C-alpha atoms as a PDB file:
ATOM      1  CA  MET A   1      94.925 103.068 168.837  1.00  0.00           C
ATOM      2  CA  ILE A   2      91.711 103.482 166.785  1.00  0.00           C
ATOM      3  CA  SER A   3      91.489 100.538 164.513  1.00  0.00           C
ATOM      4  CA  GLY A   4      92.547 101.701 160.782  1.00  0.00           C
ATOM      5  CA  GLU A   5      94.334 104.818 162.292  1.00  0.00           C
ATOM      6  CA  LYS A   6      97.899 105.226 161.067  1.00  0.00           C
ATOM      7  CA  SER A   7     100.782 104.777 163.442  1.00  0.00           C
ATOM      8  CA  ARG A   8     103.137 107.707 163.318  1.00  0.00           C
ATOM      9  CA  ARG A   9     106.158 108.071 165.299  1.00  0.00           C
ATOM     10  CA  THR A  10     107.567 111.864 165.549  1.00  0.00           C
ATOM     11  CA  GLU A  11     111.030 112.340 163.355  1.00  0.00           C
ATOM     12  CA  PHE A  12     113.253 112.377 166.402  1.00  0.00           C
ATOM     13  CA  ALA A  13     111.741 109.143 167.663  1.00  0.00           C
ATOM     14  CA  LEU A  14     111.844 107.666 164.202  1.00  0.00           C
ATOM     15  CA  ILE A  15     115.494 108.872 164.188  1.00  0.00           C
ATOM     16  CA  ASP A  16     116.073 107.171 167.660  1.00  0.00           C
ATOM     17  CA  TRP A  17     114.456 103.849 166.502  1.00  0.00           C
ATOM     18  CA  ILE A  18     116.794 103.618 163.554  1.00  0.00           C
ATOM     19  CA  GLU A  19     119.823 104.071 165.422  1.00  0.00           C
ATOM     20  CA  HIS A  20     118.915 101.223 167.763  1.00  0.00           C
ATOM     21  CA  GLN A  21     118.301  99.249 164.730  1.00  0.00           C
ATOM     22  CA  VAL A  22     122.049  99.746 163.560  1.00  0.00           C
ATOM     23  CA  GLY A  23     123.962  99.990 166.611  1.00  0.00           C
ATOM     24  CA  SER A  24     127.950 100.770 166.641  1.00  0.00           C
ATOM     25  CA  SER A  25     130.593 100.040 164.222  1.00  0.00           C
ATOM     26  CA  ASP A  26     134.349 100.249 164.167  1.00  0.00           C
ATOM     27  CA  LEU A  27     133.995 101.980 160.680  1.00  0.00           C
ATOM     28  CA  LEU A  28     132.843 105.247 162.591  1.00  0.00           C
ATOM     29  CA  SER A  29     134.335 107.278 165.411  1.00  0.00           C
ATOM     30  CA  LEU A  30     130.830 108.604 165.547  1.00  0.00           C
ATOM     31  CA  GLY A  31     127.573 107.632 163.781  1.00  0.00           C
ATOM     32  CA  ILE A  32     123.941 108.484 164.119  1.00  0.00           C
ATOM     33  CA  GLY A  33     122.952 111.155 166.471  1.00  0.00           C
ATOM     34  CA  ASP A  34     125.146 114.184 165.702  1.00  0.00           C
ATOM     35  CA  ASP A  35     125.492 116.825 162.870  1.00  0.00           C
ATOM     36  CA  CYS A  36     128.022 114.660 160.768  1.00  0.00           C
ATOM     37  CA  ALA A  37     129.293 111.085 161.191  1.00  0.00           C
ATOM     38  CA  ILE A  38     133.269 110.850 161.666  1.00  0.00           C
ATOM     39  CA  GLN A  39     134.644 108.111 159.597  1.00  0.00           C
ATOM     40  CA  PRO A  40     138.568 107.751 160.060  1.00  0.00           C
ATOM     41  CA  GLN A  41     140.226 107.326 156.986  1.00  0.00           C
ATOM     42  CA  ARG A  42     143.504 105.067 156.358  1.00  0.00           C
ATOM     43  CA  PRO A  43     146.538 106.339 154.684  1.00  0.00           C
ATOM     44  CA  GLY A  44     147.106 105.139 151.166  1.00  0.00           C
ATOM     45  CA  GLU A  45     143.414 104.538 150.350  1.00  0.00           C
ATOM     46  CA  ASP A  46     140.991 106.742 148.136  1.00  0.00           C
ATOM     47  CA  LEU A  47     137.543 107.494 149.306  1.00  0.00           C
ATOM     48  CA  LEU A  48     134.629 106.538 147.050  1.00  0.00           C
ATOM     49  CA  THR A  49     131.406 108.499 147.285  1.00  0.00           C
ATOM     50  CA  SER A  50     128.051 107.904 145.214  1.00  0.00           C
ATOM     51  CA  THR A  51     124.675 108.872 145.886  1.00  0.00           C
ATOM     52  CA  ASP A  52     121.246 108.074 144.442  1.00  0.00           C
ATOM     53  CA  LEU A  53     117.757 108.874 144.521  1.00  0.00           C
ATOM     54  CA  LEU A  54     114.779 106.638 144.249  1.00  0.00           C
ATOM     55  CA  ILE A  55     111.086 108.093 143.637  1.00  0.00           C
ATOM     56  CA  GLU A  56     107.863 106.213 144.196  1.00  0.00           C
ATOM     57  CA  GLY A  57     106.065 105.851 140.521  1.00  0.00           C
ATOM     58  CA  ILE A  58     109.491 106.471 138.678  1.00  0.00           C
ATOM     59  CA  HIS A  59     111.985 103.955 140.204  1.00  0.00           C
ATOM     60  CA  PHE A  60     109.421 101.469 141.986  1.00  0.00           C
ATOM     61  CA  LYS A  61     105.471 100.947 142.766  1.00  0.00           C
ATOM     62  CA  ARG A  62     104.670 100.060 145.978  1.00  0.00           C
ATOM     63  CA  GLU A  63     102.215  97.284 144.840  1.00  0.00           C
ATOM     64  CA  TRP A  64     105.016  95.522 142.884  1.00  0.00           C
ATOM     65  CA  THR A  65     107.074  94.786 146.121  1.00  0.00           C
ATOM     66  CA  ASP A  66     107.030  94.913 150.131  1.00  0.00           C
ATOM     67  CA  PHE A  67     108.863  97.285 152.048  1.00  0.00           C
ATOM     68  CA  PHE A  68     111.340  94.945 153.420  1.00  0.00           C
ATOM     69  CA  SER A  69     112.266  94.048 149.372  1.00  0.00           C
ATOM     70  CA  LEU A  70     112.217  97.621 148.687  1.00  0.00           C
ATOM     71  CA  GLY A  71     114.569  98.630 151.586  1.00  0.00           C
ATOM     72  CA  ALA A  72     116.943  96.069 150.345  1.00  0.00           C
ATOM     73  CA  LYS A  73     116.923  96.898 146.860  1.00  0.00           C
ATOM     74  CA  SER A  74     117.756 100.693 147.773  1.00  0.00           C
ATOM     75  CA  ALA A  75     120.820  99.528 149.528  1.00  0.00           C
ATOM     76  CA  ALA A  76     121.590  96.981 146.480  1.00  0.00           C
ATOM     77  CA  VAL A  77     121.678  99.247 143.991  1.00  0.00           C
ATOM     78  CA  ASN A  78     123.765 102.090 145.700  1.00  0.00           C
ATOM     79  CA  LEU A  79     126.310  99.349 146.927  1.00  0.00           C
ATOM     80  CA  SER A  80     126.652  98.291 143.192  1.00  0.00           C
ATOM     81  CA  ASP A  81     128.301 101.623 142.405  1.00  0.00           C
ATOM     82  CA  ILE A  82     131.071 100.998 145.028  1.00  0.00           C
ATOM     83  CA  ALA A  83     131.537  97.284 143.314  1.00  0.00           C
ATOM     84  CA  ALA A  84     131.822  99.173 139.903  1.00  0.00           C
ATOM     85  CA  MET A  85     134.836 100.839 140.943  1.00  0.00           C
ATOM     86  CA  GLY A  86     136.505  97.675 142.656  1.00  0.00           C
ATOM     87  CA  GLY A  87     135.954  99.171 146.107  1.00  0.00           C
ATOM     88  CA  ARG A  88     135.353  97.893 149.650  1.00  0.00           C
ATOM     89  CA  ALA A  89     131.976  99.632 150.949  1.00  0.00           C
ATOM     90  CA  GLN A  90     131.892 101.177 154.254  1.00  0.00           C
ATOM     91  CA  CYS A  91     129.011 103.456 155.082  1.00  0.00           C
ATOM     92  CA  VAL A  92     125.854 104.627 154.108  1.00  0.00           C
ATOM     93  CA  PHE A  93     123.485 107.421 154.280  1.00  0.00           C
ATOM     94  CA  LEU A  94     119.753 107.110 154.190  1.00  0.00           C
ATOM     95  CA  GLY A  95     117.211 110.132 153.321  1.00  0.00           C
ATOM     96  CA  LEU A  96     113.598 109.319 153.521  1.00  0.00           C
ATOM     97  CA  ALA A  97     110.600 111.540 152.431  1.00  0.00           C
ATOM     98  CA  ARG A  98     107.651 109.981 154.050  1.00  0.00           C
ATOM     99  CA  PRO A  99     104.245 110.537 152.712  1.00  0.00           C
ATOM    100  CA  SER A 100     101.316 110.522 155.531  1.00  0.00           C
ATOM    101  CA  ALA A 101      99.773 107.598 154.267  1.00  0.00           C
ATOM    102  CA  LEU A 102     102.524 105.128 155.300  1.00  0.00           C
ATOM    103  CA  ASP A 103     102.502 103.695 158.784  1.00  0.00           C
ATOM    104  CA  ASP A 104     105.386 103.347 161.223  1.00  0.00           C
ATOM    105  CA  SER A 105     105.171  99.732 160.243  1.00  0.00           C
ATOM    106  CA  ASP A 106     105.794 100.242 156.741  1.00  0.00           C
ATOM    107  CA  ILE A 107     108.973 102.214 157.420  1.00  0.00           C
ATOM    108  CA  GLU A 108     110.135 100.018 159.699  1.00  0.00           C
ATOM    109  CA  GLU A 109     109.944  97.020 157.375  1.00  0.00           C
ATOM    110  CA  LEU A 110     111.853  99.499 154.859  1.00  0.00           C
ATOM    111  CA  ILE A 111     114.720 100.315 157.585  1.00  0.00           C
ATOM    112  CA  ARG A 112     114.884  96.635 158.440  1.00  0.00           C
ATOM    113  CA  GLY A 113     115.321  95.459 154.816  1.00  0.00           C
ATOM    114  CA  PHE A 114     118.005  98.351 154.110  1.00  0.00           C
ATOM    115  CA  VAL A 115     119.917  97.195 157.171  1.00  0.00           C
ATOM    116  CA  ALA A 116     119.888  93.697 156.709  1.00  0.00           C
ATOM    117  CA  GLU A 117     121.177  94.128 153.069  1.00  0.00           C
ATOM    118  CA  THR A 118     124.096  96.375 154.338  1.00  0.00           C
ATOM    119  CA  ALA A 119     125.058  94.048 156.946  1.00  0.00           C
ATOM    120  CA  ARG A 120     125.732  91.579 154.329  1.00  0.00           C
ATOM    121  CA  TYR A 121     128.564  93.320 153.327  1.00  0.00           C
ATOM    122  CA  GLY A 122     129.712  94.630 156.634  1.00  0.00           C
ATOM    123  CA  VAL A 123     128.608  98.158 155.848  1.00  0.00           C
ATOM    124  CA  VAL A 124     126.853 100.364 158.114  1.00  0.00           C
ATOM    125  CA  LEU A 125     124.293 102.768 158.160  1.00  0.00           C
ATOM    126  CA  ALA A 126     125.959 106.123 159.510  1.00  0.00           C
ATOM    127  CA  GLY A 127     123.133 108.764 159.407  1.00  0.00           C
ATOM    128  CA  GLY A 128     120.608 110.379 156.997  1.00  0.00           C
ATOM    129  CA  ASP A 129     117.456 112.691 156.965  1.00  0.00           C
ATOM    130  CA  THR A 130     113.809 112.114 157.447  1.00  0.00           C
ATOM    131  CA  CYS A 131     110.966 114.497 156.333  1.00  0.00           C
ATOM    132  CA  ALA A 132     107.592 114.429 155.120  1.00  0.00           C
ATOM    133  CA  SER A 133     106.554 114.260 151.584  1.00  0.00           C
ATOM    134  CA  PRO A 134     103.293 115.751 150.273  1.00  0.00           C
ATOM    135  CA  GLY A 135     103.486 113.590 147.337  1.00  0.00           C
ATOM    136  CA  PRO A 136     105.397 110.000 146.716  1.00  0.00           C
ATOM    137  CA  LEU A 137     107.596 108.061 148.752  1.00  0.00           C
ATOM    138  CA  MET A 138     111.328 109.269 147.974  1.00  0.00           C
ATOM    139  CA  ILE A 139     114.662 107.370 149.271  1.00  0.00           C
ATOM    140  CA  SER A 140     117.904 108.904 148.713  1.00  0.00           C
ATOM    141  CA  VAL A 141     120.911 106.978 149.599  1.00  0.00           C
ATOM    142  CA  THR A 142     124.741 108.001 149.592  1.00  0.00           C
ATOM    143  CA  VAL A 143     127.381 105.374 149.895  1.00  0.00           C
ATOM    144  CA  GLN A 144     130.949 105.587 150.926  1.00  0.00           C
ATOM    145  CA  GLY A 145     133.834 103.182 150.038  1.00  0.00           C
ATOM    146  CA  ALA A 146     137.318 102.974 149.956  1.00  0.00           C
ATOM    147  CA  VAL A 147     140.004 101.427 147.325  1.00  0.00           C
ATOM    148  CA  LEU A 148     144.042 101.358 147.570  1.00  0.00           C
ATOM    149  CA  SER A 149     144.920 104.470 146.235  1.00  0.00           C
ATOM    150  CA  GLY A 150     144.921 104.913 142.208  1.00  0.00           C
ATOM    151  CA  THR A 151     143.361 101.118 141.832  1.00  0.00           C
ATOM    152  CA  ALA A 152     140.066 102.189 141.526  1.00  0.00           C
ATOM    153  CA  ILE A 153     138.468 100.895 138.048  1.00  0.00           C
ATOM    154  CA  ARG A 154     136.905 103.740 136.064  1.00  0.00           C
ATOM    155  CA  ARG A 155     135.338 104.042 132.786  1.00  0.00           C
ATOM    156  CA  ASP A 156     138.115 105.341 130.694  1.00  0.00           C
ATOM    157  CA  GLY A 157     140.709 102.411 130.887  1.00  0.00           C
ATOM    158  CA  ALA A 158     139.465 100.348 128.022  1.00  0.00           C
ATOM    159  CA  ARG A 159     141.577  99.792 125.107  1.00  0.00           C
ATOM    160  CA  PRO A 160     141.096  98.569 121.474  1.00  0.00           C
ATOM    161  CA  GLY A 161     142.093  94.595 121.226  1.00  0.00           C
ATOM    162  CA  GLU A 162     140.722  94.012 124.954  1.00  0.00           C
ATOM    163  CA  TRP A 163     137.925  91.592 125.772  1.00  0.00           C
ATOM    164  CA  LEU A 164     134.326  92.732 126.894  1.00  0.00           C
ATOM    165  CA  TYR A 165     132.777  90.623 129.795  1.00  0.00           C
ATOM    166  CA  VAL A 166     129.771  90.657 132.109  1.00  0.00           C
ATOM    167  CA  SER A 167     128.771  88.925 135.271  1.00  0.00           C
ATOM    168  CA  GLY A 168     125.763  86.719 135.907  1.00  0.00           C
ATOM    169  CA  THR A 169     122.775  86.927 133.535  1.00  0.00           C
ATOM    170  CA  LEU A 170     121.126  89.805 131.468  1.00  0.00           C
ATOM    171  CA  GLY A 171     117.487  90.799 131.216  1.00  0.00           C
ATOM    172  CA  ASP A 172     116.154  89.020 134.036  1.00  0.00           C
ATOM    173  CA  SER A 173     114.819  92.357 135.699  1.00  0.00           C
ATOM    174  CA  ALA A 174     113.667  93.862 132.777  1.00  0.00           C
ATOM    175  CA  LEU A 175     111.631  90.757 131.855  1.00  0.00           C
ATOM    176  CA  ALA A 176     110.166  90.532 135.246  1.00  0.00           C
ATOM    177  CA  LEU A 177     109.306  94.490 134.755  1.00  0.00           C
ATOM    178  CA  ARG A 178     107.730  93.540 131.354  1.00  0.00           C
ATOM    179  CA  ALA A 179     105.345  91.105 133.311  1.00  0.00           C
ATOM    180  CA  LEU A 180     104.231  93.575 135.833  1.00  0.00           C
ATOM    181  CA  GLN A 181     103.315  96.198 133.680  1.00  0.00           C
ATOM    182  CA  ALA A 182     101.068  93.630 131.693  1.00  0.00           C
ATOM    183  CA  GLY A 183      99.208  92.314 135.069  1.00  0.00           C
ATOM    184  CA  GLU A 184     100.854  88.978 134.601  1.00  0.00           C
ATOM    185  CA  VAL A 185     102.201  86.574 137.356  1.00  0.00           C
ATOM    186  CA  VAL A 186     106.193  87.027 137.405  1.00  0.00           C
ATOM    187  CA  ARG A 187     108.155  83.757 137.991  1.00  0.00           C
ATOM    188  CA  PRO A 188     109.759  83.492 141.307  1.00  0.00           C
ATOM    189  CA  ALA A 189     113.539  83.620 140.225  1.00  0.00           C
ATOM    190  CA  LEU A 190     112.629  86.880 138.036  1.00  0.00           C
ATOM    191  CA  ALA A 191     110.910  88.741 140.655  1.00  0.00           C
ATOM    192  CA  GLN A 192     113.962  88.084 142.834  1.00  0.00           C
ATOM    193  CA  ARG A 193     116.311  89.607 140.303  1.00  0.00           C
ATOM    194  CA  PHE A 194     113.857  92.513 139.982  1.00  0.00           C
ATOM    195  CA  ASN A 195     113.027  93.086 143.608  1.00  0.00           C
ATOM    196  CA  ARG A 196     116.249  91.895 145.395  1.00  0.00           C
ATOM    197  CA  PRO A 197     119.432  92.460 143.142  1.00  0.00           C
ATOM    198  CA  THR A 198     122.775  91.387 144.238  1.00  0.00           C
ATOM    199  CA  ALA A 199     125.521  94.091 144.315  1.00  0.00           C
ATOM    200  CA  ARG A 200     128.665  92.559 142.863  1.00  0.00           C
ATOM    201  CA  ILE A 201     131.043  93.873 145.532  1.00  0.00           C
ATOM    202  CA  GLU A 202     133.313  90.597 145.938  1.00  0.00           C
ATOM    203  CA  LEU A 203     133.608  90.768 142.001  1.00  0.00           C
ATOM    204  CA  GLY A 204     134.525  94.227 141.813  1.00  0.00           C
ATOM    205  CA  ARG A 205     137.219  93.883 144.590  1.00  0.00           C
ATOM    206  CA  TYR A 206     138.867  90.718 143.085  1.00  0.00           C
ATOM    207  CA  LEU A 207     138.880  92.255 139.827  1.00  0.00           C
ATOM    208  CA  ALA A 208     140.394  95.620 141.150  1.00  0.00           C
ATOM    209  CA  GLU A 209     142.950  93.780 143.545  1.00  0.00           C
ATOM    210  CA  ASN A 210     144.180  91.361 140.980  1.00  0.00           C
ATOM    211  CA  ARG A 211     144.275  94.210 138.194  1.00  0.00           C
ATOM    212  CA  LEU A 212     142.289  92.115 135.862  1.00  0.00           C
ATOM    213  CA  ALA A 213     139.727  94.899 134.821  1.00  0.00           C
ATOM    214  CA  THR A 214     140.731  97.879 132.525  1.00  0.00           C
ATOM    215  CA  ALA A 215     137.368  99.579 132.855  1.00  0.00           C
ATOM    216  CA  MET A 216     134.076  98.903 134.385  1.00  0.00           C
ATOM    217  CA  LEU A 217     130.640  99.865 135.361  1.00  0.00           C
ATOM    218  CA  ASP A 218     127.695  98.299 136.629  1.00  0.00           C
ATOM    219  CA  ILE A 219     124.477  97.840 134.275  1.00  0.00           C
ATOM    220  CA  SER A 220     121.479  99.896 135.613  1.00  0.00           C
ATOM    221  CA  ASP A 221     120.183 101.577 132.574  1.00  0.00           C
ATOM    222  CA  GLY A 222     120.833  98.582 129.854  1.00  0.00           C
ATOM    223  CA  LEU A 223     123.850  96.890 128.471  1.00  0.00           C
ATOM    224  CA  LEU A 224     124.117  99.111 125.499  1.00  0.00           C
ATOM    225  CA  GLY A 225     123.257 102.179 127.147  1.00  0.00           C
ATOM    226  CA  ASP A 226     125.817 101.641 129.926  1.00  0.00           C
ATOM    227  CA  LEU A 227     128.527 100.299 127.535  1.00  0.00           C
ATOM    228  CA  GLY A 228     128.014 103.523 125.762  1.00  0.00           C
ATOM    229  CA  HIS A 229     129.768 105.357 128.813  1.00  0.00           C
ATOM    230  CA  ILE A 230     132.731 103.106 128.692  1.00  0.00           C
ATOM    231  CA  LEU A 231     133.033 103.329 124.891  1.00  0.00           C
ATOM    232  CA  GLU A 232     132.724 107.616 125.210  1.00  0.00           C
ATOM    233  CA  ALA A 233     135.239 107.756 128.395  1.00  0.00           C
ATOM    234  CA  SER A 234     137.674 105.431 126.618  1.00  0.00           C
ATOM    235  CA  ALA A 235     137.294 106.668 123.159  1.00  0.00           C
ATOM    236  CA  VAL A 236     136.945 103.395 121.599  1.00  0.00           C
ATOM    237  CA  GLY A 237     134.294 101.053 119.812  1.00  0.00           C
ATOM    238  CA  ALA A 238     133.055  97.675 120.684  1.00  0.00           C
ATOM    239  CA  GLU A 239     131.831  94.580 118.766  1.00  0.00           C
ATOM    240  CA  ILE A 240     129.364  92.386 120.814  1.00  0.00           C
ATOM    241  CA  LEU A 241     128.616  88.735 119.945  1.00  0.00           C
ATOM    242  CA  LEU A 242     124.723  88.374 120.181  1.00  0.00           C
ATOM    243  CA  GLN A 243     125.057  84.424 120.871  1.00  0.00           C
ATOM    244  CA  GLN A 244     127.305  85.083 123.711  1.00  0.00           C
ATOM    245  CA  LEU A 245     124.937  87.199 125.879  1.00  0.00           C
ATOM    246  CA  PRO A 246     124.353  85.076 129.285  1.00  0.00           C
ATOM    247  CA  LEU A 247     121.038  84.281 129.931  1.00  0.00           C
ATOM    248  CA  SER A 248     118.842  82.625 132.511  1.00  0.00           C
ATOM    249  CA  SER A 249     116.608  79.508 131.855  1.00  0.00           C
ATOM    250  CA  ASP A 250     113.598  81.644 132.356  1.00  0.00           C
ATOM    251  CA  PHE A 251     114.746  83.973 129.930  1.00  0.00           C
ATOM    252  CA  THR A 252     115.724  81.439 127.416  1.00  0.00           C
ATOM    253  CA  GLU A 253     112.412  80.135 127.863  1.00  0.00           C
ATOM    254  CA  ALA A 254     110.714  83.613 126.883  1.00  0.00           C
ATOM    255  CA  LEU A 255     113.312  83.872 124.194  1.00  0.00           C
ATOM    256  CA  HIS A 256     111.834  80.556 122.379  1.00  0.00           C
ATOM    257  CA  ASP A 257     108.469  82.258 122.329  1.00  0.00           C
ATOM    258  CA  ASP A 258     109.454  85.694 121.056  1.00  0.00           C
ATOM    259  CA  GLU A 259     113.044  86.001 119.707  1.00  0.00           C
ATOM    260  CA  GLY A 260     112.539  90.031 119.965  1.00  0.00           C
ATOM    261  CA  MET A 261     112.651  89.547 123.767  1.00  0.00           C
ATOM    262  CA  ILE A 262     116.653  89.563 123.248  1.00  0.00           C
ATOM    263  CA  ASP A 263     116.445  93.291 123.326  1.00  0.00           C
ATOM    264  CA  LEU A 264     115.555  93.104 126.883  1.00  0.00           C
ATOM    265  CA  ALA A 265     119.051  91.655 127.468  1.00  0.00           C
ATOM    266  CA  LEU A 266     120.585  94.310 125.213  1.00  0.00           C
ATOM    267  CA  SER A 267     118.832  97.281 126.843  1.00  0.00           C
ATOM    268  CA  GLY A 268     116.834  96.517 129.652  1.00  0.00           C
ATOM    269  CA  GLY A 269     117.727  98.124 132.953  1.00  0.00           C
ATOM    270  CA  GLU A 270     118.255  97.214 136.448  1.00  0.00           C
ATOM    271  CA  ASP A 271     120.619  94.038 135.838  1.00  0.00           C
ATOM    272  CA  TYR A 272     123.109  95.329 138.486  1.00  0.00           C
ATOM    273  CA  GLU A 273     125.736  93.217 136.857  1.00  0.00           C
ATOM    274  CA  LEU A 274     129.269  94.385 136.338  1.00  0.00           C
ATOM    275  CA  LEU A 275     130.462  94.754 132.855  1.00  0.00           C
ATOM    276  CA  PHE A 276     134.212  95.270 132.235  1.00  0.00           C
ATOM    277  CA  THR A 277     137.055  95.187 129.898  1.00  0.00           C
ATOM    278  CA  SER A 278     140.111  93.048 130.446  1.00  0.00           C
ATOM    279  CA  ALA A 279     143.323  92.462 128.282  1.00  0.00           C
ATOM    280  CA  ARG A 280     142.729  88.609 129.874  1.00  0.00           C
ATOM    281  CA  GLU A 281     141.131  86.422 126.929  1.00  0.00           C
ATOM    282  CA  ASP A 282     140.838  83.603 129.423  1.00  0.00           C
ATOM    283  CA  LEU A 283     139.223  85.292 132.316  1.00  0.00           C
ATOM    284  CA  GLU A 284     136.196  82.948 132.501  1.00  0.00           C
ATOM    285  CA  GLN A 285     138.489  80.156 133.544  1.00  0.00           C
ATOM    286  CA  LEU A 286     140.052  81.863 136.517  1.00  0.00           C
ATOM    287  CA  ALA A 287     139.225  79.716 139.674  1.00  0.00           C
ATOM    288  CA  GLY A 288     138.852  82.370 142.337  1.00  0.00           C
ATOM    289  CA  LEU A 289     136.329  84.506 140.261  1.00  0.00           C
ATOM    290  CA  PRO A 290     133.584  85.089 142.986  1.00  0.00           C
ATOM    291  CA  VAL A 291     130.702  84.927 140.267  1.00  0.00           C
ATOM    292  CA  ALA A 292     130.662  83.526 136.673  1.00  0.00           C
ATOM    293  CA  VAL A 293     131.678  86.044 134.125  1.00  0.00           C
ATOM    294  CA  THR A 294     130.813  85.720 130.262  1.00  0.00           C
ATOM    295  CA  LYS A 295     133.097  87.297 127.239  1.00  0.00           C
ATOM    296  CA  ILE A 296     130.573  88.888 125.191  1.00  0.00           C
ATOM    297  CA  GLY A 297     132.671  90.807 122.646  1.00  0.00           C
ATOM    298  CA  ARG A 298     135.882  92.915 121.969  1.00  0.00           C
ATOM    299  CA  MET A 299     136.971  96.390 121.809  1.00  0.00           C
ATOM    300  CA  THR A 300     137.822  98.023 118.729  1.00  0.00           C
ATOM    301  CA  ALA A 301     139.803 100.993 117.678  1.00  0.00           C
ATOM    302  CA  GLU A 302     136.849 102.307 115.225  1.00  0.00           C
ATOM    303  CA  ARG A 303     134.469 104.454 117.422  1.00  0.00           C
ATOM    304  CA  ARG A 304     131.178 102.555 116.959  1.00  0.00           C
ATOM    305  CA  LEU A 305     129.337  99.780 118.522  1.00  0.00           C
ATOM    306  CA  GLN A 306     128.040  96.925 116.429  1.00  0.00           C
ATOM    307  CA  ILE A 307     125.836  93.982 117.277  1.00  0.00           C
ATOM    308  CA  VAL A 308     126.771  90.572 115.434  1.00  0.00           C
ATOM    309  CA  ALA A 309     124.339  88.023 115.020  1.00  0.00           C
ATOM    310  CA  GLY A 310     125.306  84.230 114.945  1.00  0.00           C
ATOM    311  CA  ASP A 311     125.067  84.251 111.135  1.00  0.00           C
ATOM    312  CA  GLY A 312     127.251  87.150 111.133  1.00  0.00           C
ATOM    313  CA  SER A 313     125.063  90.162 110.202  1.00  0.00           C
ATOM    314  CA  LEU A 314     124.392  92.968 112.089  1.00  0.00           C
ATOM    315  CA  TYR A 315     121.774  93.203 114.502  1.00  0.00           C
ATOM    316  CA  GLN A 316     119.571  96.235 115.544  1.00  0.00           C
ATOM    317  CA  CYS A 317     118.358  96.584 118.621  1.00  0.00           C
ATOM    318  CA  ARG A 318     114.935  98.304 118.749  1.00  0.00           C
ATOM    319  CA  GLN A 319     114.955  99.467 122.329  1.00  0.00           C
ATOM    320  CA  GLY A 320     117.070 102.144 123.992  1.00  0.00           C
ATOM    321  CA  GLY A 321     118.305 102.089 127.388  1.00  0.00           C
ATOM    322  CA  PHE A 322     116.652 103.657 130.329  1.00  0.00           C
ATOM    323  CA  ASP A 323     116.866 107.574 130.313  1.00  0.00           C
ATOM    324  CA  HIS A 324     115.747 109.367 133.276  1.00  0.00           C
ATOM    325  CA  PHE A 325     114.858 112.712 131.307  1.00  0.00           C
ATOM    326  CA  ALA A 326     113.464 110.979 127.901  1.00  0.00           C
END
């Protein structure tokens, strides 16, 4: 190959290469290589399906990440949807629209990252599609999972008087994005949260199997924006205690320099933590939780969302959640 020339497999050669990276799985009767994958279903289970689209320049920038991390993140943010319903992820389908500027090695790294992330959860890449893109790199992912019939945790189950919980910490990904946009060096822990989020599959299943959560979703567009979906679906309100928000040490340090940073914890997107309601007030103390959770408020009968500061006054967030069409 001439120096500087891009390496480009044909479409079907690329599909063959991907198939060899994945191998076989007992989750499938038939995987990559035919018109459809065949996935047997067990009796007494509901199938969960979600799909997502990631477009270069909107959801990611190549200069802010490496291709392996981009592939891993593309998998994780979709697996997070299965976690949000308390399901067990099983299969994913990947679509790629590839710009001519990308080398085979770039695509290979993206696929390696994607497959490595799905393997962490025992999930198999079962098929997909590839095509050329005259513009940006586009990544489309469909994920399927299963949950015992009737046990999926939906958004419409919250009731007044229940407690509001969130896993992990809030605002780290948004703080990393803010630094990247300003051309600043991003601290390693923050960069990890931005480029390599974790799907809380184990926590979601634990909450579902033990019937501990009444409504749940994952935080992709910001705490306030995503909580609004639960409030609307459940026809309830909520009161958030500002001082109870779980923050990392890096975020706390940034908050000391600028108190306004708290808005990133309230409305910054891509945390991919689980936000859920529960009738249990002592949930934080349960020994079996796969990851720490924090009680941040309570659901109310009055259909409005209030944020209460430490001194009892109402706090007004100055930043809205992410809206794809805003």
